[in-house]
Protein backbone atom coordinates (compact mmCIF):
# COMPACT_ATOMS: atom_id res chain seq x y z
CA UNK A 1 0.00 0.00 0.00
CA UNK A 2 1.40 3.38 -1.02
CA UNK A 3 0.57 5.70 1.87
CA UNK A 4 2.23 8.64 0.15
CA UNK A 5 -0.97 8.95 -1.91
CA UNK A 6 -3.83 10.80 -0.23
CA UNK A 7 -6.94 8.68 -0.66
CA UNK A 8 -10.00 7.55 1.24
CA UNK A 9 -8.75 3.97 0.92
CA UNK A 10 -5.47 4.86 2.62
CA UNK A 11 -7.29 6.71 5.40
CA UNK A 12 -9.42 3.62 5.98
CA UNK A 13 -6.36 1.36 5.96
CA UNK A 14 -4.49 3.49 8.50
CA UNK A 15 -7.49 3.83 10.82
CA UNK A 16 -8.07 0.07 10.77
CA UNK A 17 -4.39 -0.63 11.53
CA UNK A 18 -4.38 1.96 14.34
CA UNK A 19 -7.46 0.32 15.88
CA UNK A 20 -5.85 -3.12 15.66
CA UNK A 21 -2.54 -1.98 17.15
CA UNK A 22 -4.19 -0.09 20.02
CA UNK A 23 -6.73 -2.85 20.68
CA UNK A 24 -9.60 -0.39 20.49
CA UNK A 25 -12.53 -2.03 22.26
CA UNK A 26 -15.24 0.26 20.92
CA UNK A 27 -14.54 -0.20 17.20
CA UNK A 28 -17.37 2.16 16.27
CA UNK A 29 -15.69 5.01 18.16
CA UNK A 30 -13.07 5.47 15.44
CA UNK A 31 -14.34 5.31 11.88
CA UNK A 32 -12.55 6.21 8.66
CA UNK A 33 -15.50 8.44 7.79
CA UNK A 34 -14.58 10.66 10.78
CA UNK A 35 -11.45 11.79 8.95
CA UNK A 36 -10.92 13.59 5.68
CA UNK A 37 -7.94 13.97 3.40
CA UNK A 38 -7.17 17.48 4.69
CA UNK A 39 -5.68 15.90 7.81
CA UNK A 40 -3.98 13.10 5.89
CA UNK A 41 -0.39 13.98 6.77
CA UNK A 42 -1.16 14.27 10.48
CA UNK A 43 -3.01 10.96 10.44
CA UNK A 44 -0.12 9.33 8.60
CA UNK A 45 2.34 10.66 11.20
CA UNK A 46 0.26 9.11 14.00
CA UNK A 47 -0.06 5.85 12.06
CA UNK A 48 3.71 5.61 11.49
CA UNK A 49 4.47 6.31 15.16
CA UNK A 50 1.96 3.69 16.32
CA UNK A 51 3.13 0.99 13.92
CA UNK A 52 6.76 1.39 15.09
CA UNK A 53 5.98 0.87 18.80
CA UNK A 54 5.38 -2.47 20.48
CA UNK A 55 3.40 -1.21 23.47
CA UNK A 56 1.85 1.95 24.84
CA UNK A 57 1.45 3.41 28.31
CA UNK A 58 -1.92 4.62 29.53
CA UNK A 59 -0.74 8.21 29.08
CA UNK A 60 0.37 7.50 25.51
CA UNK A 61 -2.98 5.87 24.71
CA UNK A 62 -4.81 8.89 26.09
CA UNK A 63 -2.60 11.29 24.11
CA UNK A 64 -3.17 9.30 20.90
CA UNK A 65 -6.93 9.28 21.47
CA UNK A 66 -6.91 13.03 22.06
CA UNK A 67 -4.83 13.64 18.94
CA UNK A 68 -7.13 11.48 16.82
CA UNK A 69 -10.08 13.36 18.28
CA UNK A 70 -8.54 16.67 17.25
CA UNK A 71 -8.19 15.40 13.67
CA UNK A 72 -11.84 14.40 13.33
CA UNK A 73 -14.08 16.28 10.94
CA UNK A 74 -15.95 19.12 12.58
PDB file of N, CA and C in Angstrom:
ATOM      1  N   UNK A   1       0.850  -1.175   0.000  1.00  0.00           N
ATOM      2  CA  UNK A   1       0.000   0.000   0.000  1.00  0.00           C
ATOM      3  C   UNK A   1       0.894   1.236   0.000  1.00  0.00           C
ATOM      4  N   UNK A   2       0.615   2.156  -0.890  1.00  0.00           N
ATOM      5  CA  UNK A   2       1.402   3.384  -1.017  1.00  0.00           C
ATOM      6  C   UNK A   2       0.729   4.499  -0.222  1.00  0.00           C
ATOM      7  N   UNK A   3       1.192   4.705   0.995  1.00  0.00           N
ATOM      8  CA  UNK A   3       0.574   5.699   1.870  1.00  0.00           C
ATOM      9  C   UNK A   3       0.996   7.121   1.544  1.00  0.00           C
ATOM     10  N   UNK A   4       1.869   7.284   0.557  1.00  0.00           N
ATOM     11  CA  UNK A   4       2.233   8.640   0.146  1.00  0.00           C
ATOM     12  C   UNK A   4       1.121   9.283  -0.685  1.00  0.00           C
ATOM     13  N   UNK A   5       0.162   8.468  -1.117  1.00  0.00           N
ATOM     14  CA  UNK A   5      -0.967   8.949  -1.913  1.00  0.00           C
ATOM     15  C   UNK A   5      -2.148   9.216  -0.986  1.00  0.00           C
ATOM     16  N   UNK A   6      -2.652  10.447  -1.033  1.00  0.00           N
ATOM     17  CA  UNK A   6      -3.826  10.801  -0.227  1.00  0.00           C
ATOM     18  C   UNK A   6      -5.058  10.190  -0.872  1.00  0.00           C
ATOM     19  N   UNK A   7      -5.712   9.283  -0.139  1.00  0.00           N
ATOM     20  CA  UNK A   7      -6.936   8.684  -0.662  1.00  0.00           C
ATOM     21  C   UNK A   7      -7.798   8.201   0.496  1.00  0.00           C
ATOM     22  N   UNK A   8      -9.073   8.066   0.231  1.00  0.00           N
ATOM     23  CA  UNK A   8      -9.998   7.551   1.239  1.00  0.00           C
ATOM     24  C   UNK A   8      -9.632   6.123   1.623  1.00  0.00           C
ATOM     25  N   UNK A   9      -9.147   5.347   0.658  1.00  0.00           N
ATOM     26  CA  UNK A   9      -8.748   3.965   0.924  1.00  0.00           C
ATOM     27  C   UNK A   9      -7.572   3.920   1.899  1.00  0.00           C
ATOM     28  N   UNK A  10      -6.613   4.826   1.716  1.00  0.00           N
ATOM     29  CA  UNK A  10      -5.467   4.863   2.620  1.00  0.00           C
ATOM     30  C   UNK A  10      -5.863   5.328   4.013  1.00  0.00           C
ATOM     31  N   UNK A  11      -6.784   6.276   4.099  1.00  0.00           N
ATOM     32  CA  UNK A  11      -7.290   6.715   5.400  1.00  0.00           C
ATOM     33  C   UNK A  11      -7.931   5.528   6.106  1.00  0.00           C
ATOM     34  N   UNK A  12      -8.762   4.791   5.388  1.00  0.00           N
ATOM     35  CA  UNK A  12      -9.422   3.624   5.980  1.00  0.00           C
ATOM     36  C   UNK A  12      -8.394   2.594   6.435  1.00  0.00           C
ATOM     37  N   UNK A  13      -7.397   2.320   5.609  1.00  0.00           N
ATOM     38  CA  UNK A  13      -6.355   1.356   5.956  1.00  0.00           C
ATOM     39  C   UNK A  13      -5.640   1.767   7.244  1.00  0.00           C
ATOM     40  N   UNK A  14      -5.222   3.031   7.320  1.00  0.00           N
ATOM     41  CA  UNK A  14      -4.487   3.492   8.496  1.00  0.00           C
ATOM     42  C   UNK A  14      -5.338   3.444   9.754  1.00  0.00           C
ATOM     43  N   UNK A  15      -6.595   3.855   9.657  1.00  0.00           N
ATOM     44  CA  UNK A  15      -7.487   3.828  10.821  1.00  0.00           C
ATOM     45  C   UNK A  15      -7.676   2.397  11.303  1.00  0.00           C
ATOM     46  N   UNK A  16      -7.892   1.466  10.384  1.00  0.00           N
ATOM     47  CA  UNK A  16      -8.074   0.067  10.774  1.00  0.00           C
ATOM     48  C   UNK A  16      -6.822  -0.484  11.450  1.00  0.00           C
ATOM     49  N   UNK A  17      -5.644  -0.156  10.936  1.00  0.00           N
ATOM     50  CA  UNK A  17      -4.393  -0.632  11.534  1.00  0.00           C
ATOM     51  C   UNK A  17      -4.166   0.014  12.908  1.00  0.00           C
ATOM     52  N   UNK A  18      -4.505   1.284  13.040  1.00  0.00           N
ATOM     53  CA  UNK A  18      -4.383   1.958  14.337  1.00  0.00           C
ATOM     54  C   UNK A  18      -5.292   1.273  15.352  1.00  0.00           C
ATOM     55  N   UNK A  19      -6.525   0.983  14.974  1.00  0.00           N
ATOM     56  CA  UNK A  19      -7.462   0.324  15.883  1.00  0.00           C
ATOM     57  C   UNK A  19      -6.941  -1.054  16.292  1.00  0.00           C
ATOM     58  N   UNK A  20      -6.400  -1.796  15.343  1.00  0.00           N
ATOM     59  CA  UNK A  20      -5.848  -3.123  15.658  1.00  0.00           C
ATOM     60  C   UNK A  20      -4.681  -3.010  16.629  1.00  0.00           C
ATOM     61  N   UNK A  21      -3.759  -2.124  16.349  1.00  0.00           N
ATOM     62  CA  UNK A  21      -2.541  -1.983  17.149  1.00  0.00           C
ATOM     63  C   UNK A  21      -2.860  -1.509  18.564  1.00  0.00           C
ATOM     64  N   UNK A  22      -3.834  -0.629  18.705  1.00  0.00           N
ATOM     65  CA  UNK A  22      -4.186  -0.091  20.017  1.00  0.00           C
ATOM     66  C   UNK A  22      -5.227  -0.936  20.737  1.00  0.00           C
ATOM     67  N   UNK A  23      -5.695  -1.994  20.096  1.00  0.00           N
ATOM     68  CA  UNK A  23      -6.729  -2.855  20.681  1.00  0.00           C
ATOM     69  C   UNK A  23      -7.944  -2.047  21.109  1.00  0.00           C
ATOM     70  N   UNK A  24      -8.437  -1.234  20.199  1.00  0.00           N
ATOM     71  CA  UNK A  24      -9.597  -0.394  20.491  1.00  0.00           C
ATOM     72  C   UNK A  24     -10.812  -1.295  20.729  1.00  0.00           C
ATOM     73  N   UNK A  25     -11.401  -1.179  21.914  1.00  0.00           N
ATOM     74  CA  UNK A  25     -12.527  -2.026  22.262  1.00  0.00           C
ATOM     75  C   UNK A  25     -13.809  -1.569  21.583  1.00  0.00           C
ATOM     76  N   UNK A  26     -14.040  -0.281  21.554  1.00  0.00           N
ATOM     77  CA  UNK A  26     -15.237   0.255  20.917  1.00  0.00           C
ATOM     78  C   UNK A  26     -14.883   0.609  19.468  1.00  0.00           C
ATOM     79  N   UNK A  27     -14.959  -0.384  18.588  1.00  0.00           N
ATOM     80  CA  UNK A  27     -14.537  -0.204  17.204  1.00  0.00           C
ATOM     81  C   UNK A  27     -15.325   0.885  16.484  1.00  0.00           C
ATOM     82  N   UNK A  28     -16.558   1.129  16.903  1.00  0.00           N
ATOM     83  CA  UNK A  28     -17.368   2.161  16.275  1.00  0.00           C
ATOM     84  C   UNK A  28     -16.952   3.572  16.657  1.00  0.00           C
ATOM     85  N   UNK A  29     -16.107   3.686  17.685  1.00  0.00           N
ATOM     86  CA  UNK A  29     -15.689   5.007  18.157  1.00  0.00           C
ATOM     87  C   UNK A  29     -14.760   5.695  17.172  1.00  0.00           C
ATOM     88  N   UNK A  30     -13.998   4.913  16.427  1.00  0.00           N
ATOM     89  CA  UNK A  30     -13.074   5.471  15.440  1.00  0.00           C
ATOM     90  C   UNK A  30     -13.442   4.896  14.085  1.00  0.00           C
ATOM     91  N   UNK A  31     -13.937   5.743  13.224  1.00  0.00           N
ATOM     92  CA  UNK A  31     -14.338   5.308  11.880  1.00  0.00           C
ATOM     93  C   UNK A  31     -13.573   6.110  10.836  1.00  0.00           C
ATOM     94  N   UNK A  32     -13.211   5.469   9.735  1.00  0.00           N
ATOM     95  CA  UNK A  32     -12.546   6.208   8.660  1.00  0.00           C
ATOM     96  C   UNK A  32     -13.345   7.413   8.180  1.00  0.00           C
ATOM     97  N   UNK A  33     -14.662   7.332   8.257  1.00  0.00           N
ATOM     98  CA  UNK A  33     -15.502   8.441   7.793  1.00  0.00           C
ATOM     99  C   UNK A  33     -15.374   9.677   8.688  1.00  0.00           C
ATOM    100  N   UNK A  34     -14.785   9.522   9.874  1.00  0.00           N
ATOM    101  CA  UNK A  34     -14.579  10.657  10.780  1.00  0.00           C
ATOM    102  C   UNK A  34     -13.425  11.548  10.335  1.00  0.00           C
ATOM    103  N   UNK A  35     -12.655  11.081   9.355  1.00  0.00           N
ATOM    104  CA  UNK A  35     -11.446  11.795   8.947  1.00  0.00           C
ATOM    105  C   UNK A  35     -11.527  12.126   7.464  1.00  0.00           C
ATOM    106  N   UNK A  36     -10.959  13.257   7.097  1.00  0.00           N
ATOM    107  CA  UNK A  36     -10.915  13.588   5.678  1.00  0.00           C
ATOM    108  C   UNK A  36      -9.467  13.755   5.240  1.00  0.00           C
ATOM    109  N   UNK A  37      -9.283  13.927   3.965  1.00  0.00           N
ATOM    110  CA  UNK A  37      -7.944  13.965   3.400  1.00  0.00           C
ATOM    111  C   UNK A  37      -7.180  15.251   3.753  1.00  0.00           C
ATOM    112  N   UNK A  38      -7.862  16.257   4.277  1.00  0.00           N
ATOM    113  CA  UNK A  38      -7.173  17.482   4.690  1.00  0.00           C
ATOM    114  C   UNK A  38      -6.211  17.213   5.836  1.00  0.00           C
ATOM    115  N   UNK A  39      -6.510  16.244   6.659  1.00  0.00           N
ATOM    116  CA  UNK A  39      -5.678  15.899   7.813  1.00  0.00           C
ATOM    117  C   UNK A  39      -4.831  14.661   7.538  1.00  0.00           C
ATOM    118  N   UNK A  40      -4.656  14.336   6.280  1.00  0.00           N
ATOM    119  CA  UNK A  40      -3.982  13.100   5.891  1.00  0.00           C
ATOM    120  C   UNK A  40      -2.571  12.992   6.457  1.00  0.00           C
ATOM    121  N   UNK A  41      -1.787  14.038   6.319  1.00  0.00           N
ATOM    122  CA  UNK A  41      -0.390  13.985   6.769  1.00  0.00           C
ATOM    123  C   UNK A  41      -0.297  13.766   8.277  1.00  0.00           C
ATOM    124  N   UNK A  42      -1.150  14.445   9.037  1.00  0.00           N
ATOM    125  CA  UNK A  42      -1.157  14.274  10.485  1.00  0.00           C
ATOM    126  C   UNK A  42      -1.556  12.854  10.863  1.00  0.00           C
ATOM    127  N   UNK A  43      -2.567  12.325  10.185  1.00  0.00           N
ATOM    128  CA  UNK A  43      -3.006  10.960  10.441  1.00  0.00           C
ATOM    129  C   UNK A  43      -1.892   9.973  10.098  1.00  0.00           C
ATOM    130  N   UNK A  44      -1.217  10.212   9.000  1.00  0.00           N
ATOM    131  CA  UNK A  44      -0.118   9.329   8.598  1.00  0.00           C
ATOM    132  C   UNK A  44       1.027   9.379   9.616  1.00  0.00           C
ATOM    133  N   UNK A  45       1.314  10.545  10.163  1.00  0.00           N
ATOM    134  CA  UNK A  45       2.343  10.657  11.202  1.00  0.00           C
ATOM    135  C   UNK A  45       1.978   9.813  12.429  1.00  0.00           C
ATOM    136  N   UNK A  46       0.726   9.896  12.851  1.00  0.00           N
ATOM    137  CA  UNK A  46       0.261   9.106  13.999  1.00  0.00           C
ATOM    138  C   UNK A  46       0.358   7.622  13.672  1.00  0.00           C
ATOM    139  N   UNK A  47      -0.108   7.253  12.493  1.00  0.00           N
ATOM    140  CA  UNK A  47      -0.056   5.855  12.060  1.00  0.00           C
ATOM    141  C   UNK A  47       1.378   5.324  12.111  1.00  0.00           C
ATOM    142  N   UNK A  48       2.316   6.069  11.541  1.00  0.00           N
ATOM    143  CA  UNK A  48       3.708   5.615  11.489  1.00  0.00           C
ATOM    144  C   UNK A  48       4.307   5.478  12.884  1.00  0.00           C
ATOM    145  N   UNK A  49       3.971   6.386  13.783  1.00  0.00           N
ATOM    146  CA  UNK A  49       4.467   6.305  15.158  1.00  0.00           C
ATOM    147  C   UNK A  49       3.896   5.073  15.864  1.00  0.00           C
ATOM    148  N   UNK A  50       2.616   4.816  15.661  1.00  0.00           N
ATOM    149  CA  UNK A  50       1.960   3.687  16.324  1.00  0.00           C
ATOM    150  C   UNK A  50       2.491   2.354  15.810  1.00  0.00           C
ATOM    151  N   UNK A  51       2.675   2.247  14.514  1.00  0.00           N
ATOM    152  CA  UNK A  51       3.134   0.994  13.921  1.00  0.00           C
ATOM    153  C   UNK A  51       4.543   0.638  14.402  1.00  0.00           C
ATOM    154  N   UNK A  52       5.374   1.629  14.669  1.00  0.00           N
ATOM    155  CA  UNK A  52       6.759   1.385  15.091  1.00  0.00           C
ATOM    156  C   UNK A  52       6.874   0.898  16.527  1.00  0.00           C
ATOM    157  N   UNK A  53       5.882   1.210  17.381  1.00  0.00           N
ATOM    158  CA  UNK A  53       5.978   0.874  18.798  1.00  0.00           C
ATOM    159  C   UNK A  53       5.346  -0.486  19.091  1.00  0.00           C
ATOM    160  N   UNK A  54       5.908  -1.170  20.084  1.00  0.00           N
ATOM    161  CA  UNK A  54       5.376  -2.472  20.480  1.00  0.00           C
ATOM    162  C   UNK A  54       4.286  -2.359  21.531  1.00  0.00           C
ATOM    163  N   UNK A  55       4.405  -1.370  22.409  1.00  0.00           N
ATOM    164  CA  UNK A  55       3.402  -1.211  23.465  1.00  0.00           C
ATOM    165  C   UNK A  55       3.248   0.273  23.797  1.00  0.00           C
ATOM    166  N   UNK A  56       2.179   0.570  24.520  1.00  0.00           N
ATOM    167  CA  UNK A  56       1.847   1.955  24.841  1.00  0.00           C
ATOM    168  C   UNK A  56       1.447   2.062  26.301  1.00  0.00           C
ATOM    169  N   UNK A  57       1.880   3.144  26.944  1.00  0.00           N
ATOM    170  CA  UNK A  57       1.447   3.412  28.314  1.00  0.00           C
ATOM    171  C   UNK A  57       0.030   3.975  28.270  1.00  0.00           C
ATOM    172  N   UNK A  58      -0.574   4.026  29.431  1.00  0.00           N
ATOM    173  CA  UNK A  58      -1.917   4.617  29.532  1.00  0.00           C
ATOM    174  C   UNK A  58      -1.884   6.076  29.065  1.00  0.00           C
ATOM    175  N   UNK A  59      -0.859   6.804  29.477  1.00  0.00           N
ATOM    176  CA  UNK A  59      -0.739   8.213  29.081  1.00  0.00           C
ATOM    177  C   UNK A  59      -0.581   8.351  27.569  1.00  0.00           C
ATOM    178  N   UNK A  60       0.204   7.460  26.965  1.00  0.00           N
ATOM    179  CA  UNK A  60       0.372   7.504  25.511  1.00  0.00           C
ATOM    180  C   UNK A  60      -0.946   7.204  24.803  1.00  0.00           C
ATOM    181  N   UNK A  61      -1.674   6.214  25.309  1.00  0.00           N
ATOM    182  CA  UNK A  61      -2.975   5.868  24.706  1.00  0.00           C
ATOM    183  C   UNK A  61      -3.921   7.060  24.787  1.00  0.00           C
ATOM    184  N   UNK A  62      -3.937   7.735  25.922  1.00  0.00           N
ATOM    185  CA  UNK A  62      -4.808   8.890  26.089  1.00  0.00           C
ATOM    186  C   UNK A  62      -4.400  10.007  25.132  1.00  0.00           C
ATOM    187  N   UNK A  63      -3.096  10.247  25.011  1.00  0.00           N
ATOM    188  CA  UNK A  63      -2.605  11.294  24.112  1.00  0.00           C
ATOM    189  C   UNK A  63      -2.947  10.972  22.658  1.00  0.00           C
ATOM    190  N   UNK A  64      -2.827   9.715  22.272  1.00  0.00           N
ATOM    191  CA  UNK A  64      -3.168   9.301  20.902  1.00  0.00           C
ATOM    192  C   UNK A  64      -4.659   9.504  20.654  1.00  0.00           C
ATOM    193  N   UNK A  65      -5.481   9.105  21.612  1.00  0.00           N
ATOM    194  CA  UNK A  65      -6.929   9.279  21.469  1.00  0.00           C
ATOM    195  C   UNK A  65      -7.288  10.752  21.336  1.00  0.00           C
ATOM    196  N   UNK A  66      -6.642  11.588  22.129  1.00  0.00           N
ATOM    197  CA  UNK A  66      -6.907  13.030  22.057  1.00  0.00           C
ATOM    198  C   UNK A  66      -6.471  13.596  20.708  1.00  0.00           C
ATOM    199  N   UNK A  67      -5.330  13.152  20.232  1.00  0.00           N
ATOM    200  CA  UNK A  67      -4.832  13.640  18.940  1.00  0.00           C
ATOM    201  C   UNK A  67      -5.758  13.196  17.807  1.00  0.00           C
ATOM    202  N   UNK A  68      -6.183  11.947  17.843  1.00  0.00           N
ATOM    203  CA  UNK A  68      -7.131  11.480  16.824  1.00  0.00           C
ATOM    204  C   UNK A  68      -8.424  12.269  16.891  1.00  0.00           C
ATOM    205  N   UNK A  69      -8.868  12.559  18.106  1.00  0.00           N
ATOM    206  CA  UNK A  69     -10.081  13.358  18.281  1.00  0.00           C
ATOM    207  C   UNK A  69      -9.937  14.751  17.694  1.00  0.00           C
ATOM    208  N   UNK A  70      -8.750  15.324  17.802  1.00  0.00           N
ATOM    209  CA  UNK A  70      -8.543  16.668  17.248  1.00  0.00           C
ATOM    210  C   UNK A  70      -8.504  16.662  15.719  1.00  0.00           C
ATOM    211  N   UNK A  71      -8.240  15.501  15.122  1.00  0.00           N
ATOM    212  CA  UNK A  71      -8.190  15.396  13.665  1.00  0.00           C
ATOM    213  C   UNK A  71      -9.548  15.094  13.030  1.00  0.00           C
ATOM    214  N   UNK A  72     -10.523  14.756  13.864  1.00  0.00           N
ATOM    215  CA  UNK A  72     -11.841  14.398  13.330  1.00  0.00           C
ATOM    216  C   UNK A  72     -12.486  15.584  12.622  1.00  0.00           C
ATOM    217  N   UNK A  73     -13.317  15.248  11.653  1.00  0.00           N
ATOM    218  CA  UNK A  73     -14.079  16.279  10.945  1.00  0.00           C
ATOM    219  C   UNK A  73     -14.948  17.018  11.933  1.00  0.00           C
ATOM    220  N   UNK A  74     -15.117  18.298  11.701  1.00  0.00           N
ATOM    221  CA  UNK A  74     -15.951  19.118  12.580  1.00  0.00           C
ATOM    222  C   UNK A  74     -17.405  19.038  12.190  1.00  0.00           C
TER     223      UNK A  74
END
